[in-house]
Amino acid sequence: MNYLQGAIHELKNVTWPTEKEVIRLTKITLSFLVLFTLLFFFTDSILSGAFSTLYASINI
């Protein structure tokens, strides 16, 4: 039970972010998510097309 009391005490000392900070950081996270998703999609599409062309030219 001492562990639980210690955990509760520590949670009371935590400085929680404000709603404004949470929204701002969520927007940043989602922006990076979209950016990297598009980056990987286009990189995969370009490399897939390049390798398909390469394999077709050497008849594999």
C-alpha atoms as a PDB file:
ATOM      1  CA  MET A   1       0.000   0.000   0.000  1.00  0.00           C
ATOM      2  CA  ASN A   2       2.957   2.294   0.586  1.00  0.00           C
ATOM      3  CA  TYR A   3       3.843   2.102  -3.135  1.00  0.00           C
ATOM      4  CA  LEU A   4       0.360   3.278  -4.121  1.00  0.00           C
ATOM      5  CA  GLN A   5       0.485   6.204  -1.691  1.00  0.00           C
ATOM      6  CA  GLY A   6       3.888   7.207  -3.069  1.00  0.00           C
ATOM      7  CA  ALA A   7       2.584   7.052  -6.626  1.00  0.00           C
ATOM      8  CA  ILE A   8      -0.406   9.227  -5.770  1.00  0.00           C
ATOM      9  CA  HIS A   9       1.868  11.715  -4.005  1.00  0.00           C
ATOM     10  CA  GLU A  10       4.126  11.926  -7.083  1.00  0.00           C
ATOM     11  CA  LEU A  11       1.145  12.432  -9.405  1.00  0.00           C
ATOM     12  CA  LYS A  12       0.111  15.426  -7.332  1.00  0.00           C
ATOM     13  CA  ASN A  13       3.547  16.983  -7.976  1.00  0.00           C
ATOM     14  CA  VAL A  14       3.305  16.593 -11.761  1.00  0.00           C
ATOM     15  CA  THR A  15       2.978  19.786 -13.772  1.00  0.00           C
ATOM     16  CA  TRP A  16       0.293  18.885 -16.282  1.00  0.00           C
ATOM     17  CA  PRO A  17       0.170  20.724 -19.638  1.00  0.00           C
ATOM     18  CA  THR A  18      -2.575  23.219 -20.276  1.00  0.00           C
ATOM     19  CA  GLU A  19      -5.299  22.514 -22.804  1.00  0.00           C
ATOM     20  CA  LYS A  20      -3.688  25.022 -25.175  1.00  0.00           C
ATOM     21  CA  GLU A  21      -0.328  23.211 -24.965  1.00  0.00           C
ATOM     22  CA  VAL A  22      -1.957  19.826 -25.549  1.00  0.00           C
ATOM     23  CA  ILE A  23      -3.758  21.113 -28.648  1.00  0.00           C
ATOM     24  CA  ARG A  24      -0.581  22.740 -30.016  1.00  0.00           C
ATOM     25  CA  LEU A  25       1.533  19.625 -29.478  1.00  0.00           C
ATOM     26  CA  THR A  26      -1.180  17.403 -30.956  1.00  0.00           C
ATOM     27  CA  LYS A  27      -1.245  19.573 -34.097  1.00  0.00           C
ATOM     28  CA  ILE A  28       2.547  19.342 -34.393  1.00  0.00           C
ATOM     29  CA  THR A  29       2.434  15.559 -33.964  1.00  0.00           C
ATOM     30  CA  LEU A  30      -0.311  15.137 -36.565  1.00  0.00           C
ATOM     31  CA  SER A  31       1.530  17.434 -38.980  1.00  0.00           C
ATOM     32  CA  PHE A  32       4.664  15.307 -38.745  1.00  0.00           C
ATOM     33  CA  LEU A  33       2.559  12.166 -39.111  1.00  0.00           C
ATOM     34  CA  VAL A  34       1.039  13.450 -42.361  1.00  0.00           C
ATOM     35  CA  LEU A  35       4.412  14.723 -43.615  1.00  0.00           C
ATOM     36  CA  PHE A  36       6.215  11.425 -43.058  1.00  0.00           C
ATOM     37  CA  THR A  37       3.280   9.401 -44.400  1.00  0.00           C
ATOM     38  CA  LEU A  38       3.407  11.377 -47.647  1.00  0.00           C
ATOM     39  CA  LEU A  39       7.204  11.171 -47.746  1.00  0.00           C
ATOM     40  CA  PHE A  40       7.178   7.373 -47.405  1.00  0.00           C
ATOM     41  CA  PHE A  41       4.287   7.004 -49.869  1.00  0.00           C
ATOM     42  CA  PHE A  42       5.981   9.014 -52.614  1.00  0.00           C
ATOM     43  CA  THR A  43       9.388   7.446 -51.971  1.00  0.00           C
ATOM     44  CA  ASP A  44       7.824   3.973 -52.173  1.00  0.00           C
ATOM     45  CA  SER A  45       5.929   4.877 -55.349  1.00  0.00           C
ATOM     46  CA  ILE A  46       9.029   6.246 -57.064  1.00  0.00           C
ATOM     47  CA  LEU A  47      11.240   3.314 -56.070  1.00  0.00           C
ATOM     48  CA  SER A  48       8.548   0.799 -56.986  1.00  0.00           C
ATOM     49  CA  GLY A  49       8.221   2.307 -60.457  1.00  0.00           C
ATOM     50  CA  ALA A  50      11.990   2.459 -60.891  1.00  0.00           C
ATOM     51  CA  PHE A  51      12.501  -1.175 -59.906  1.00  0.00           C
ATOM     52  CA  SER A  52       9.573  -2.329 -62.050  1.00  0.00           C
ATOM     53  CA  THR A  53      11.137  -0.594 -65.037  1.00  0.00           C
ATOM     54  CA  LEU A  54      14.540  -2.032 -64.212  1.00  0.00           C
ATOM     55  CA  TYR A  55      13.215  -5.582 -63.837  1.00  0.00           C
ATOM     56  CA  ALA A  56      11.185  -5.277 -67.043  1.00  0.00           C
ATOM     57  CA  SER A  57      14.255  -4.152 -68.962  1.00  0.00           C
ATOM     58  CA  ILE A  58      16.291  -7.186 -67.857  1.00  0.00           C
ATOM     59  CA  ASN A  59      13.361  -9.614 -68.294  1.00  0.00           C
ATOM     60  CA  ILE A  60      13.022 -10.849 -64.717  1.00  0.00           C
END
